[in-house]
Amino acid sequence: SFLAVRFHSIMLASAILLLIFSTVLQAKTVKYSGEWFDVMIPSDFTIKPSLNNGSTDTVISAFFISPDQKVAFYIFAPQWSGDPVDIKLKPGVEKEISRTSKRNGGNQITWFSYKNIKTGYTRAYQQTENEEGTSLTIIGIEYDNESAYEKYKNQYLAFKKSLVQYAD
């Protein structure tokens, strides 16, 4: 019975260490800076800059791709407003599956999702625009399937929460 208690203590300690170790691995992030924003991204994601501001090489939108390439996080955060042409609906390939909006203070927040008609690949975004229409931010996630979404959901929520925007 002493050996059984000792064995259970060792197993419990091992499980706790494994949990701590895996949490530390998942929590590793690095700061990515665009022209007018910073976000924290998982350190093992690949950075794919997308749009610049039209006059310089500074980034106003980017994709951050998971190591297994089943998920991508997205940010569009220009200084003011802009046109996120890199995430436009692809007619004939995708369909819009949801769109809802609400006012929050002086902002209009819109959530919208597109789904590939053949593959089921889903893109879901949250767009925040001020009531004057002079400031626009879009943050989102793209994923192959629900299990891929679930696998990266917590990292995505941390990514969303980490967004810091700058103005001049």
N, C-alpha and C. Protein backbone atom coordinates (compact mmCIF):
# COMPACT_ATOMS: atom_id res chain seq x y z
N SER A 1 0.82 -1.18 0.00
CA SER A 1 0.00 0.00 0.00
C SER A 1 0.88 1.26 0.00
N PHE A 2 2.04 1.22 0.65
CA PHE A 2 2.99 2.34 0.59
C PHE A 2 3.44 2.55 -0.84
N LEU A 3 3.73 1.45 -1.55
CA LEU A 3 4.17 1.54 -2.94
C LEU A 3 3.05 2.08 -3.83
N ALA A 4 1.83 1.68 -3.55
CA ALA A 4 0.69 2.16 -4.34
C ALA A 4 0.51 3.67 -4.15
N VAL A 5 0.61 4.16 -2.93
CA VAL A 5 0.50 5.59 -2.65
C VAL A 5 1.64 6.34 -3.33
N ARG A 6 2.83 5.79 -3.20
CA ARG A 6 4.02 6.40 -3.83
C ARG A 6 3.85 6.46 -5.34
N PHE A 7 3.38 5.37 -5.94
CA PHE A 7 3.17 5.29 -7.39
C PHE A 7 2.15 6.35 -7.84
N HIS A 8 1.04 6.46 -7.10
CA HIS A 8 0.02 7.46 -7.45
C HIS A 8 0.55 8.88 -7.30
N SER A 9 1.39 9.11 -6.29
CA SER A 9 1.98 10.44 -6.11
C SER A 9 2.89 10.79 -7.27
N ILE A 10 3.68 9.83 -7.70
CA ILE A 10 4.60 10.05 -8.83
C ILE A 10 3.80 10.29 -10.11
N MET A 11 2.73 9.51 -10.31
CA MET A 11 1.91 9.68 -11.51
C MET A 11 1.22 11.05 -11.51
N LEU A 12 0.72 11.47 -10.36
CA LEU A 12 0.07 12.77 -10.25
C LEU A 12 1.07 13.89 -10.52
N ALA A 13 2.24 13.80 -9.93
CA ALA A 13 3.29 14.80 -10.15
C ALA A 13 3.69 14.84 -11.63
N SER A 14 3.80 13.69 -12.26
CA SER A 14 4.15 13.63 -13.68
C SER A 14 3.06 14.28 -14.54
N ALA A 15 1.81 14.00 -14.21
CA ALA A 15 0.69 14.59 -14.97
C ALA A 15 0.69 16.10 -14.83
N ILE A 16 0.94 16.59 -13.62
CA ILE A 16 0.97 18.04 -13.39
C ILE A 16 2.12 18.68 -14.18
N LEU A 17 3.28 18.06 -14.15
CA LEU A 17 4.43 18.59 -14.90
C LEU A 17 4.14 18.60 -16.40
N LEU A 18 3.52 17.54 -16.90
CA LEU A 18 3.18 17.46 -18.31
C LEU A 18 2.20 18.57 -18.68
N LEU A 19 1.21 18.81 -17.85
CA LEU A 19 0.23 19.86 -18.09
C LEU A 19 0.92 21.23 -18.10
N ILE A 20 1.77 21.48 -17.14
CA ILE A 20 2.50 22.76 -17.08
C ILE A 20 3.37 22.92 -18.32
N PHE A 21 4.10 21.87 -18.70
CA PHE A 21 4.99 21.92 -19.84
C PHE A 21 4.21 22.19 -21.12
N SER A 22 3.09 21.50 -21.33
CA SER A 22 2.32 21.69 -22.55
C SER A 22 1.69 23.08 -22.58
N THR A 23 1.28 23.62 -21.43
CA THR A 23 0.71 24.96 -21.37
C THR A 23 1.78 26.00 -21.71
N VAL A 24 2.99 25.81 -21.19
CA VAL A 24 4.09 26.72 -21.50
C VAL A 24 4.39 26.69 -22.99
N LEU A 25 4.41 25.50 -23.59
CA LEU A 25 4.66 25.41 -25.02
C LEU A 25 3.60 26.14 -25.83
N GLN A 26 2.33 25.97 -25.46
CA GLN A 26 1.25 26.60 -26.18
C GLN A 26 1.26 28.12 -25.99
N ALA A 27 1.76 28.58 -24.87
CA ALA A 27 1.71 29.99 -24.54
C ALA A 27 2.81 30.81 -25.19
N LYS A 28 3.77 30.20 -25.84
CA LYS A 28 4.87 30.94 -26.45
C LYS A 28 4.36 31.80 -27.60
N THR A 29 4.53 33.10 -27.44
CA THR A 29 4.10 34.03 -28.48
C THR A 29 5.21 35.02 -28.78
N VAL A 30 5.07 35.66 -29.92
CA VAL A 30 6.00 36.73 -30.32
C VAL A 30 5.17 37.91 -30.79
N LYS A 31 5.73 39.09 -30.65
CA LYS A 31 5.02 40.29 -31.09
C LYS A 31 5.25 40.50 -32.58
N TYR A 32 4.17 40.77 -33.29
CA TYR A 32 4.25 41.14 -34.70
C TYR A 32 3.74 42.57 -34.81
N SER A 33 4.51 43.42 -35.48
CA SER A 33 4.13 44.83 -35.63
C SER A 33 3.85 45.15 -37.08
N GLY A 34 2.63 45.63 -37.33
CA GLY A 34 2.28 46.18 -38.62
C GLY A 34 2.54 47.68 -38.57
N GLU A 35 2.05 48.40 -39.56
CA GLU A 35 2.29 49.84 -39.58
C GLU A 35 1.61 50.55 -38.42
N TRP A 36 0.36 50.17 -38.11
CA TRP A 36 -0.41 50.87 -37.09
C TRP A 36 -0.94 49.93 -36.02
N PHE A 37 -0.32 48.76 -35.86
CA PHE A 37 -0.83 47.80 -34.88
C PHE A 37 0.28 46.85 -34.43
N ASP A 38 0.05 46.25 -33.27
CA ASP A 38 0.86 45.14 -32.76
C ASP A 38 -0.11 44.03 -32.37
N VAL A 39 0.30 42.78 -32.61
CA VAL A 39 -0.44 41.62 -32.12
C VAL A 39 0.56 40.59 -31.64
N MET A 40 0.12 39.76 -30.72
CA MET A 40 0.94 38.64 -30.26
C MET A 40 0.47 37.40 -31.02
N ILE A 41 1.43 36.72 -31.65
CA ILE A 41 1.08 35.52 -32.43
C ILE A 41 1.84 34.32 -31.87
N PRO A 42 1.30 33.13 -32.05
CA PRO A 42 2.03 31.94 -31.62
C PRO A 42 3.39 31.90 -32.34
N SER A 43 4.43 31.59 -31.60
CA SER A 43 5.79 31.66 -32.15
C SER A 43 6.04 30.67 -33.27
N ASP A 44 5.22 29.62 -33.36
CA ASP A 44 5.45 28.64 -34.42
C ASP A 44 4.58 28.88 -35.66
N PHE A 45 3.84 29.99 -35.69
CA PHE A 45 3.05 30.34 -36.86
C PHE A 45 3.91 31.04 -37.90
N THR A 46 3.57 30.87 -39.17
CA THR A 46 4.26 31.53 -40.28
C THR A 46 3.56 32.85 -40.58
N ILE A 47 4.34 33.90 -40.74
CA ILE A 47 3.79 35.23 -41.01
C ILE A 47 3.71 35.42 -42.52
N LYS A 48 2.53 35.87 -42.99
CA LYS A 48 2.34 36.16 -44.41
C LYS A 48 1.75 37.58 -44.53
N PRO A 49 2.63 38.60 -44.67
CA PRO A 49 2.12 39.96 -44.86
C PRO A 49 1.23 40.00 -46.10
N SER A 50 0.18 40.82 -46.06
CA SER A 50 -0.74 40.84 -47.19
C SER A 50 -0.82 42.21 -47.85
N LEU A 51 -1.51 43.15 -47.25
CA LEU A 51 -1.68 44.48 -47.85
C LEU A 51 -0.76 45.50 -47.19
N ASN A 52 -0.28 46.46 -48.01
CA ASN A 52 0.43 47.60 -47.42
C ASN A 52 -0.45 48.83 -47.60
N ASN A 53 0.05 49.98 -47.17
CA ASN A 53 -0.81 51.17 -47.19
C ASN A 53 -0.84 51.86 -48.54
N GLY A 54 -0.23 51.27 -49.55
CA GLY A 54 -0.26 51.84 -50.89
C GLY A 54 0.90 52.75 -51.21
N SER A 55 1.57 53.27 -50.20
CA SER A 55 2.68 54.19 -50.49
C SER A 55 4.00 53.73 -49.89
N THR A 56 3.96 52.71 -49.04
CA THR A 56 5.20 52.21 -48.44
C THR A 56 5.14 50.70 -48.35
N ASP A 57 6.16 50.10 -47.84
CA ASP A 57 6.20 48.65 -47.66
C ASP A 57 5.69 48.22 -46.28
N THR A 58 5.05 49.12 -45.57
CA THR A 58 4.56 48.78 -44.24
C THR A 58 3.21 48.05 -44.33
N VAL A 59 3.02 47.10 -43.46
CA VAL A 59 1.89 46.18 -43.53
C VAL A 59 0.67 46.72 -42.79
N ILE A 60 -0.51 46.63 -43.45
CA ILE A 60 -1.77 46.96 -42.79
C ILE A 60 -2.66 45.72 -42.63
N SER A 61 -2.27 44.61 -43.28
CA SER A 61 -2.98 43.35 -43.04
C SER A 61 -2.00 42.20 -43.19
N ALA A 62 -2.31 41.11 -42.47
CA ALA A 62 -1.42 39.95 -42.51
C ALA A 62 -2.19 38.70 -42.11
N PHE A 63 -1.69 37.58 -42.59
CA PHE A 63 -2.18 36.26 -42.19
C PHE A 63 -1.08 35.60 -41.36
N PHE A 64 -1.49 34.80 -40.38
CA PHE A 64 -0.55 34.08 -39.53
C PHE A 64 -0.99 32.61 -39.58
N ILE A 65 -0.15 31.77 -40.18
CA ILE A 65 -0.55 30.41 -40.54
C ILE A 65 0.02 29.39 -39.57
N SER A 66 -0.86 28.49 -39.11
CA SER A 66 -0.47 27.47 -38.14
C SER A 66 0.54 26.50 -38.76
N PRO A 67 1.32 25.81 -37.92
CA PRO A 67 2.34 24.88 -38.43
C PRO A 67 1.74 23.76 -39.29
N ASP A 68 0.53 23.31 -38.98
CA ASP A 68 -0.10 22.25 -39.78
C ASP A 68 -0.89 22.82 -40.96
N GLN A 69 -0.88 24.12 -41.13
CA GLN A 69 -1.53 24.85 -42.22
C GLN A 69 -3.04 24.63 -42.28
N LYS A 70 -3.65 24.30 -41.15
CA LYS A 70 -5.10 24.08 -41.09
C LYS A 70 -5.86 25.31 -40.60
N VAL A 71 -5.11 26.30 -40.09
CA VAL A 71 -5.71 27.50 -39.53
C VAL A 71 -4.84 28.71 -39.89
N ALA A 72 -5.51 29.84 -40.11
CA ALA A 72 -4.79 31.11 -40.27
C ALA A 72 -5.54 32.18 -39.48
N PHE A 73 -4.79 32.99 -38.75
CA PHE A 73 -5.35 34.17 -38.10
C PHE A 73 -5.16 35.33 -39.07
N TYR A 74 -6.02 36.33 -38.96
CA TYR A 74 -5.97 37.47 -39.89
C TYR A 74 -6.17 38.77 -39.13
N ILE A 75 -5.46 39.81 -39.61
CA ILE A 75 -5.64 41.15 -39.06
C ILE A 75 -5.59 42.15 -40.22
N PHE A 76 -6.54 43.08 -40.20
CA PHE A 76 -6.56 44.23 -41.11
C PHE A 76 -6.71 45.44 -40.21
N ALA A 77 -5.67 46.26 -40.11
CA ALA A 77 -5.69 47.40 -39.19
C ALA A 77 -4.92 48.57 -39.77
N PRO A 78 -5.53 49.25 -40.75
CA PRO A 78 -4.88 50.45 -41.30
C PRO A 78 -4.98 51.60 -40.31
N GLN A 79 -4.29 52.69 -40.62
CA GLN A 79 -4.35 53.85 -39.73
C GLN A 79 -5.78 54.36 -39.60
N TRP A 80 -6.49 54.43 -40.69
CA TRP A 80 -7.86 54.93 -40.66
C TRP A 80 -8.79 53.85 -41.17
N SER A 81 -9.24 54.01 -42.38
CA SER A 81 -10.14 53.04 -42.99
C SER A 81 -9.43 52.45 -44.20
N GLY A 82 -10.10 51.58 -44.92
CA GLY A 82 -9.48 50.99 -46.09
C GLY A 82 -10.37 49.90 -46.66
N ASP A 83 -9.85 49.22 -47.66
CA ASP A 83 -10.60 48.16 -48.34
C ASP A 83 -9.85 46.84 -48.18
N PRO A 84 -10.36 45.93 -47.38
CA PRO A 84 -9.68 44.65 -47.16
C PRO A 84 -9.89 43.68 -48.32
N VAL A 85 -9.30 44.00 -49.46
CA VAL A 85 -9.51 43.20 -50.67
C VAL A 85 -8.96 41.78 -50.54
N ASP A 86 -8.08 41.56 -49.57
CA ASP A 86 -7.48 40.23 -49.42
C ASP A 86 -8.42 39.21 -48.77
N ILE A 87 -9.60 39.66 -48.29
CA ILE A 87 -10.55 38.71 -47.70
C ILE A 87 -11.94 38.81 -48.34
N LYS A 88 -12.03 39.41 -49.50
CA LYS A 88 -13.33 39.54 -50.17
C LYS A 88 -13.91 38.16 -50.46
N LEU A 89 -15.25 38.07 -50.45
CA LEU A 89 -15.96 36.86 -50.82
C LEU A 89 -15.59 36.48 -52.25
N LYS A 90 -15.34 35.19 -52.47
CA LYS A 90 -15.00 34.70 -53.81
C LYS A 90 -16.27 34.10 -54.42
N PRO A 91 -17.00 34.89 -55.23
CA PRO A 91 -18.27 34.41 -55.81
C PRO A 91 -18.08 33.12 -56.62
N GLY A 92 -19.01 32.21 -56.46
CA GLY A 92 -18.94 30.94 -57.17
C GLY A 92 -18.09 29.90 -56.46
N VAL A 93 -17.24 30.35 -55.55
CA VAL A 93 -16.36 29.46 -54.79
C VAL A 93 -16.82 29.38 -53.33
N GLU A 94 -17.26 30.53 -52.82
CA GLU A 94 -17.68 30.63 -51.42
C GLU A 94 -19.10 31.18 -51.35
N LYS A 95 -19.72 30.96 -50.18
CA LYS A 95 -20.99 31.61 -49.90
C LYS A 95 -20.90 32.21 -48.49
N GLU A 96 -21.63 33.31 -48.31
CA GLU A 96 -21.70 33.90 -46.98
C GLU A 96 -22.67 33.05 -46.17
N ILE A 97 -22.21 32.61 -44.98
CA ILE A 97 -23.07 31.74 -44.16
C ILE A 97 -23.63 32.45 -42.93
N SER A 98 -23.08 33.61 -42.58
CA SER A 98 -23.64 34.37 -41.46
C SER A 98 -23.17 35.81 -41.52
N ARG A 99 -24.02 36.68 -40.96
CA ARG A 99 -23.67 38.10 -40.82
C ARG A 99 -24.59 38.68 -39.75
N THR A 100 -23.99 39.23 -38.72
CA THR A 100 -24.75 39.91 -37.67
C THR A 100 -24.00 41.18 -37.29
N SER A 101 -24.75 42.17 -36.83
CA SER A 101 -24.14 43.45 -36.45
C SER A 101 -24.77 43.95 -35.17
N LYS A 102 -24.00 44.76 -34.45
CA LYS A 102 -24.54 45.48 -33.29
C LYS A 102 -23.72 46.72 -33.06
N ARG A 103 -24.34 47.68 -32.43
CA ARG A 103 -23.64 48.91 -32.05
C ARG A 103 -23.06 48.71 -30.66
N ASN A 104 -21.86 49.19 -30.48
CA ASN A 104 -21.20 49.14 -29.18
C ASN A 104 -20.52 50.48 -28.97
N GLY A 105 -21.16 51.35 -28.20
CA GLY A 105 -20.63 52.70 -28.04
C GLY A 105 -20.70 53.42 -29.37
N GLY A 106 -19.60 53.97 -29.81
CA GLY A 106 -19.54 54.66 -31.10
C GLY A 106 -19.12 53.78 -32.24
N ASN A 107 -19.13 52.46 -32.04
CA ASN A 107 -18.68 51.53 -33.07
C ASN A 107 -19.80 50.62 -33.57
N GLN A 108 -19.70 50.26 -34.83
CA GLN A 108 -20.56 49.24 -35.41
C GLN A 108 -19.69 47.98 -35.54
N ILE A 109 -20.10 46.90 -34.87
CA ILE A 109 -19.35 45.64 -34.92
C ILE A 109 -20.15 44.66 -35.77
N THR A 110 -19.50 44.08 -36.77
CA THR A 110 -20.15 43.12 -37.66
C THR A 110 -19.34 41.84 -37.66
N TRP A 111 -20.04 40.73 -37.46
CA TRP A 111 -19.42 39.41 -37.55
C TRP A 111 -19.93 38.76 -38.83
N PHE A 112 -19.02 38.24 -39.65
CA PHE A 112 -19.46 37.58 -40.87
C PHE A 112 -18.56 36.39 -41.17
N SER A 113 -19.14 35.41 -41.85
CA SER A 113 -18.40 34.17 -42.17
C SER A 113 -18.68 33.75 -43.60
N TYR A 114 -17.64 33.20 -44.24
CA TYR A 114 -17.74 32.65 -45.58
C TYR A 114 -17.34 31.18 -45.51
N LYS A 115 -17.95 30.37 -46.36
CA LYS A 115 -17.61 28.95 -46.41
C LYS A 115 -17.41 28.53 -47.86
N ASN A 116 -16.32 27.78 -48.11
CA ASN A 116 -16.06 27.25 -49.43
C ASN A 116 -17.13 26.22 -49.76
N ILE A 117 -17.76 26.35 -50.91
CA ILE A 117 -18.87 25.48 -51.31
C ILE A 117 -18.45 24.02 -51.42
N LYS A 118 -17.22 23.76 -51.91
CA LYS A 118 -16.77 22.38 -52.11
C LYS A 118 -16.03 21.79 -50.92
N THR A 119 -15.11 22.59 -50.33
CA THR A 119 -14.22 22.02 -49.29
C THR A 119 -14.71 22.24 -47.87
N GLY A 120 -15.57 23.23 -47.67
CA GLY A 120 -16.02 23.54 -46.31
C GLY A 120 -15.07 24.47 -45.56
N TYR A 121 -13.95 24.85 -46.19
CA TYR A 121 -13.02 25.79 -45.56
C TYR A 121 -13.80 27.04 -45.14
N THR A 122 -13.65 27.44 -43.89
CA THR A 122 -14.45 28.53 -43.33
C THR A 122 -13.57 29.71 -42.96
N ARG A 123 -14.08 30.91 -43.22
CA ARG A 123 -13.41 32.15 -42.84
C ARG A 123 -14.40 32.97 -42.01
N ALA A 124 -14.01 33.33 -40.79
CA ALA A 124 -14.88 34.08 -39.89
C ALA A 124 -14.17 35.34 -39.41
N TYR A 125 -14.86 36.48 -39.50
CA TYR A 125 -14.24 37.76 -39.19
C TYR A 125 -15.11 38.61 -38.27
N GLN A 126 -14.45 39.49 -37.54
CA GLN A 126 -15.11 40.52 -36.74
C GLN A 126 -14.61 41.86 -37.24
N GLN A 127 -15.53 42.67 -37.73
CA GLN A 127 -15.19 43.99 -38.28
C GLN A 127 -15.68 45.06 -37.32
N THR A 128 -14.82 45.99 -36.98
CA THR A 128 -15.19 47.10 -36.11
C THR A 128 -14.96 48.40 -36.86
N GLU A 129 -16.02 49.18 -36.98
CA GLU A 129 -15.94 50.46 -37.70
C GLU A 129 -16.57 51.55 -36.84
N ASN A 130 -15.88 52.71 -36.76
CA ASN A 130 -16.47 53.81 -35.98
C ASN A 130 -17.63 54.40 -36.76
N GLU A 131 -18.49 55.14 -36.05
CA GLU A 131 -19.72 55.62 -36.69
C GLU A 131 -19.46 56.63 -37.80
N GLU A 132 -18.31 57.29 -37.80
CA GLU A 132 -17.97 58.22 -38.88
C GLU A 132 -17.49 57.48 -40.12
N GLY A 133 -17.16 56.20 -39.97
CA GLY A 133 -16.65 55.42 -41.10
C GLY A 133 -15.20 55.71 -41.43
N THR A 134 -14.50 56.34 -40.48
CA THR A 134 -13.10 56.72 -40.74
C THR A 134 -12.09 55.73 -40.15
N SER A 135 -12.56 54.77 -39.37
CA SER A 135 -11.67 53.80 -38.74
C SER A 135 -12.26 52.40 -38.91
N LEU A 136 -11.45 51.48 -39.41
CA LEU A 136 -11.91 50.12 -39.68
C LEU A 136 -10.84 49.12 -39.26
N THR A 137 -11.25 48.12 -38.50
CA THR A 137 -10.36 47.03 -38.11
C THR A 137 -11.10 45.72 -38.33
N ILE A 138 -10.39 44.73 -38.87
CA ILE A 138 -10.98 43.40 -39.05
C ILE A 138 -9.99 42.39 -38.49
N ILE A 139 -10.52 41.49 -37.69
CA ILE A 139 -9.71 40.41 -37.13
C ILE A 139 -10.46 39.12 -37.39
N GLY A 140 -9.74 38.05 -37.73
CA GLY A 140 -10.47 36.83 -38.06
C GLY A 140 -9.64 35.57 -38.00
N ILE A 141 -10.34 34.48 -38.29
CA ILE A 141 -9.74 33.15 -38.29
C ILE A 141 -10.27 32.39 -39.50
N GLU A 142 -9.39 31.64 -40.14
CA GLU A 142 -9.75 30.79 -41.26
C GLU A 142 -9.35 29.38 -40.88
N TYR A 143 -10.19 28.39 -41.22
CA TYR A 143 -9.89 27.03 -40.77
C TYR A 143 -10.47 25.97 -41.71
N ASP A 144 -9.75 24.82 -41.77
CA ASP A 144 -10.15 23.71 -42.63
C ASP A 144 -11.43 23.04 -42.15
N ASN A 145 -11.56 22.87 -40.83
CA ASN A 145 -12.71 22.13 -40.28
C ASN A 145 -12.85 22.50 -38.79
N GLU A 146 -13.92 22.01 -38.18
CA GLU A 146 -14.21 22.34 -36.79
C GLU A 146 -13.12 21.87 -35.82
N SER A 147 -12.53 20.69 -36.10
CA SER A 147 -11.49 20.21 -35.18
C SER A 147 -10.25 21.10 -35.24
N ALA A 148 -9.94 21.62 -36.42
CA ALA A 148 -8.81 22.56 -36.54
C ALA A 148 -9.13 23.84 -35.78
N TYR A 149 -10.39 24.31 -35.90
CA TYR A 149 -10.81 25.51 -35.17
C TYR A 149 -10.67 25.29 -33.66
N GLU A 150 -11.17 24.17 -33.18
CA GLU A 150 -11.11 23.88 -31.74
C GLU A 150 -9.67 23.79 -31.26
N LYS A 151 -8.79 23.21 -32.07
CA LYS A 151 -7.38 23.05 -31.69
C LYS A 151 -6.71 24.40 -31.44
N TYR A 152 -7.07 25.42 -32.24
CA TYR A 152 -6.40 26.72 -32.15
C TYR A 152 -7.28 27.82 -31.55
N LYS A 153 -8.46 27.48 -31.08
CA LYS A 153 -9.42 28.47 -30.58
C LYS A 153 -8.83 29.35 -29.47
N ASN A 154 -8.21 28.74 -28.47
CA ASN A 154 -7.66 29.54 -27.36
C ASN A 154 -6.54 30.46 -27.81
N GLN A 155 -5.71 29.99 -28.74
CA GLN A 155 -4.64 30.85 -29.26
C GLN A 155 -5.24 32.01 -30.06
N TYR A 156 -6.32 31.72 -30.79
CA TYR A 156 -6.99 32.77 -31.56
C TYR A 156 -7.59 33.83 -30.62
N LEU A 157 -8.24 33.39 -29.56
CA LEU A 157 -8.82 34.34 -28.61
C LEU A 157 -7.74 35.21 -27.97
N ALA A 158 -6.59 34.62 -27.66
CA ALA A 158 -5.47 35.39 -27.11
C ALA A 158 -4.94 36.38 -28.16
N PHE A 159 -4.87 35.95 -29.41
CA PHE A 159 -4.45 36.81 -30.53
C PHE A 159 -5.38 38.02 -30.63
N LYS A 160 -6.70 37.78 -30.61
CA LYS A 160 -7.68 38.87 -30.69
C LYS A 160 -7.50 39.85 -29.54
N LYS A 161 -7.34 39.30 -28.35
CA LYS A 161 -7.23 40.14 -27.16
C LYS A 161 -5.93 40.96 -27.17
N SER A 162 -4.91 40.48 -27.86
CA SER A 162 -3.60 41.14 -27.83
C SER A 162 -3.50 42.37 -28.74
N LEU A 163 -4.47 42.57 -29.62
CA LEU A 163 -4.39 43.66 -30.60
C LEU A 163 -4.25 45.02 -29.91
N VAL A 164 -3.21 45.75 -30.32
CA VAL A 164 -3.00 47.13 -29.88
C VAL A 164 -2.89 47.96 -31.15
N GLN A 165 -3.72 49.00 -31.25
CA GLN A 165 -3.68 49.88 -32.42
C GLN A 165 -3.13 51.23 -32.05
N TYR A 166 -2.51 51.87 -33.05
CA TYR A 166 -1.88 53.18 -32.84
C TYR A 166 -2.49 54.20 -33.79
N ALA A 167 -2.47 55.43 -33.38
CA ALA A 167 -2.90 56.55 -34.23
C ALA A 167 -1.80 57.61 -34.17
N ASP A 168 -1.86 58.52 -35.11
CA ASP A 168 -0.83 59.57 -35.08
C ASP A 168 -1.26 60.76 -34.28
